Amino acid sequence: MTRHLYPLFSLRMDITRPLVEKVALLARLEIPPADADRVAAQLGRIVTMVETLNKLDTKGVEPLSNPTGLVDAFRSDEPRPSLSRDEALANAPDKVEMFLRVPRVVE
């Protein structure tokens, strides 16, 4: 039995310039009109590659979620000495009492 990457739907579709323009609009991507046909061709090749992968027999192949095999690439979280509040605020360009003052980012 062949397991497909995307078993619930077929990827057989034409990647057209209007489709690229619609997806770009929805994803808020700026694709210059001069590049839309090139992007459509590139996406079409990607879809073709995925369709080719779907034809492979993957029976007996365990799903892979991490190609490196690492379980946890982070160090353990252990308390250690750090700066005191006064040391951390010593070079702050703007502070109020024991807090940093930063420019407003939300209007």
Protein backbone atom coordinates (compact mmCIF):
# COMPACT_ATOMS: atom_id res chain seq x y z
CA MET A 1 0.00 0.00 0.00
CA THR A 2 1.36 3.40 -0.95
CA ARG A 3 1.01 6.18 1.60
CA HIS A 4 0.58 9.58 0.00
CA LEU A 5 1.86 12.85 1.39
CA TYR A 6 -1.50 14.49 0.71
CA PRO A 7 -4.01 11.62 0.53
CA LEU A 8 -7.21 13.67 0.88
CA PHE A 9 -6.93 15.63 -2.34
CA SER A 10 -5.26 15.53 -5.69
CA LEU A 11 -2.56 18.06 -6.43
CA ARG A 12 -3.34 17.94 -10.13
CA MET A 13 -3.95 21.57 -10.87
CA ASP A 14 -2.55 24.15 -13.19
CA ILE A 15 -0.57 26.89 -11.52
CA THR A 16 -1.63 29.87 -13.58
CA ARG A 17 -0.74 33.52 -13.43
CA PRO A 18 -4.21 34.45 -12.02
CA LEU A 19 -3.79 31.79 -9.31
CA VAL A 20 -0.35 33.16 -8.40
CA GLU A 21 -1.76 36.68 -8.25
CA LYS A 22 -4.67 35.56 -6.04
CA VAL A 23 -2.43 33.61 -3.64
CA ALA A 24 0.02 36.52 -3.52
CA LEU A 25 -2.84 38.87 -2.63
CA LEU A 26 -4.16 36.55 0.09
CA ALA A 27 -0.67 35.99 1.51
CA ARG A 28 0.16 39.69 1.21
CA LEU A 29 3.15 38.94 -0.97
CA GLU A 30 4.35 41.44 -3.49
CA ILE A 31 5.12 39.64 -6.72
CA PRO A 32 5.93 42.06 -9.52
CA PRO A 33 3.70 41.46 -12.57
CA ALA A 34 6.81 40.80 -14.67
CA ASP A 35 7.68 37.86 -12.37
CA ALA A 36 4.21 36.28 -12.07
CA ASP A 37 4.65 33.88 -15.02
CA ARG A 38 8.08 32.77 -13.76
CA VAL A 39 6.71 32.18 -10.25
CA ALA A 40 3.77 30.20 -11.72
CA ALA A 41 6.21 27.97 -13.62
CA GLN A 42 8.36 27.44 -10.51
CA LEU A 43 5.35 26.56 -8.37
CA GLY A 44 4.15 24.20 -11.09
CA ARG A 45 7.49 22.35 -10.93
CA ILE A 46 7.18 22.11 -7.13
CA VAL A 47 3.68 20.62 -7.40
CA THR A 48 4.94 18.16 -10.03
CA MET A 49 7.74 17.10 -7.68
CA VAL A 50 5.28 16.50 -4.83
CA GLU A 51 3.06 14.48 -7.20
CA THR A 52 6.12 12.38 -8.06
CA LEU A 53 6.82 11.82 -4.36
CA ASN A 54 3.22 10.69 -3.87
CA LYS A 55 3.84 7.84 -6.33
CA LEU A 56 6.61 6.35 -4.19
CA ASP A 57 5.87 3.20 -2.22
CA THR A 58 6.48 4.16 1.40
CA LYS A 59 5.18 0.96 2.94
CA GLY A 60 7.26 0.14 6.00
CA VAL A 61 8.86 3.58 6.13
CA GLU A 62 8.35 5.30 9.45
CA PRO A 63 7.14 8.91 9.26
CA LEU A 64 9.95 11.36 9.91
CA SER A 65 9.33 14.55 11.83
CA ASN A 66 12.94 15.50 12.53
CA PRO A 67 15.67 14.71 9.99
CA THR A 68 18.52 15.13 12.49
CA GLY A 69 17.22 12.63 15.01
CA LEU A 70 17.81 15.10 17.83
CA VAL A 71 15.18 14.94 20.51
CA ASP A 72 15.89 18.28 22.16
CA ALA A 73 18.54 20.61 20.83
CA PHE A 74 18.28 23.03 23.74
CA ARG A 75 20.27 23.02 26.95
CA SER A 76 18.48 22.35 30.17
CA ASP A 77 17.06 25.42 31.86
CA GLU A 78 18.99 25.83 35.07
CA PRO A 79 19.19 28.98 37.20
CA ARG A 80 22.59 30.67 37.22
CA PRO A 81 23.97 34.04 38.28
CA SER A 82 22.96 37.02 36.17
CA LEU A 83 22.92 40.81 36.33
CA SER A 84 21.19 42.53 39.20
CA ARG A 85 18.37 44.92 38.34
CA ASP A 86 20.64 47.93 38.96
CA GLU A 87 23.37 46.51 36.72
CA ALA A 88 20.84 45.76 33.96
CA LEU A 89 19.43 49.30 34.13
CA ALA A 90 22.80 51.03 34.46
CA ASN A 91 23.22 51.67 30.70
CA ALA A 92 19.53 52.02 29.83
CA PRO A 93 18.95 55.14 27.73
CA ASP A 94 15.58 55.79 29.39
CA LYS A 95 14.21 54.34 32.61
CA VAL A 96 11.48 55.03 35.11
CA GLU A 97 12.18 53.74 38.61
CA MET A 98 13.01 50.08 38.08
CA PHE A 99 11.64 49.77 34.51
CA LEU A 100 13.01 50.35 31.01
CA ARG A 101 11.08 52.89 28.99
CA VAL A 102 10.80 52.01 25.32
CA PRO A 103 9.12 53.78 22.40
CA ARG A 104 5.43 53.04 21.95
CA VAL A 105 4.89 50.45 19.21
CA VAL A 106 1.09 50.12 19.38
CA GLU A 107 -1.10 53.04 18.49
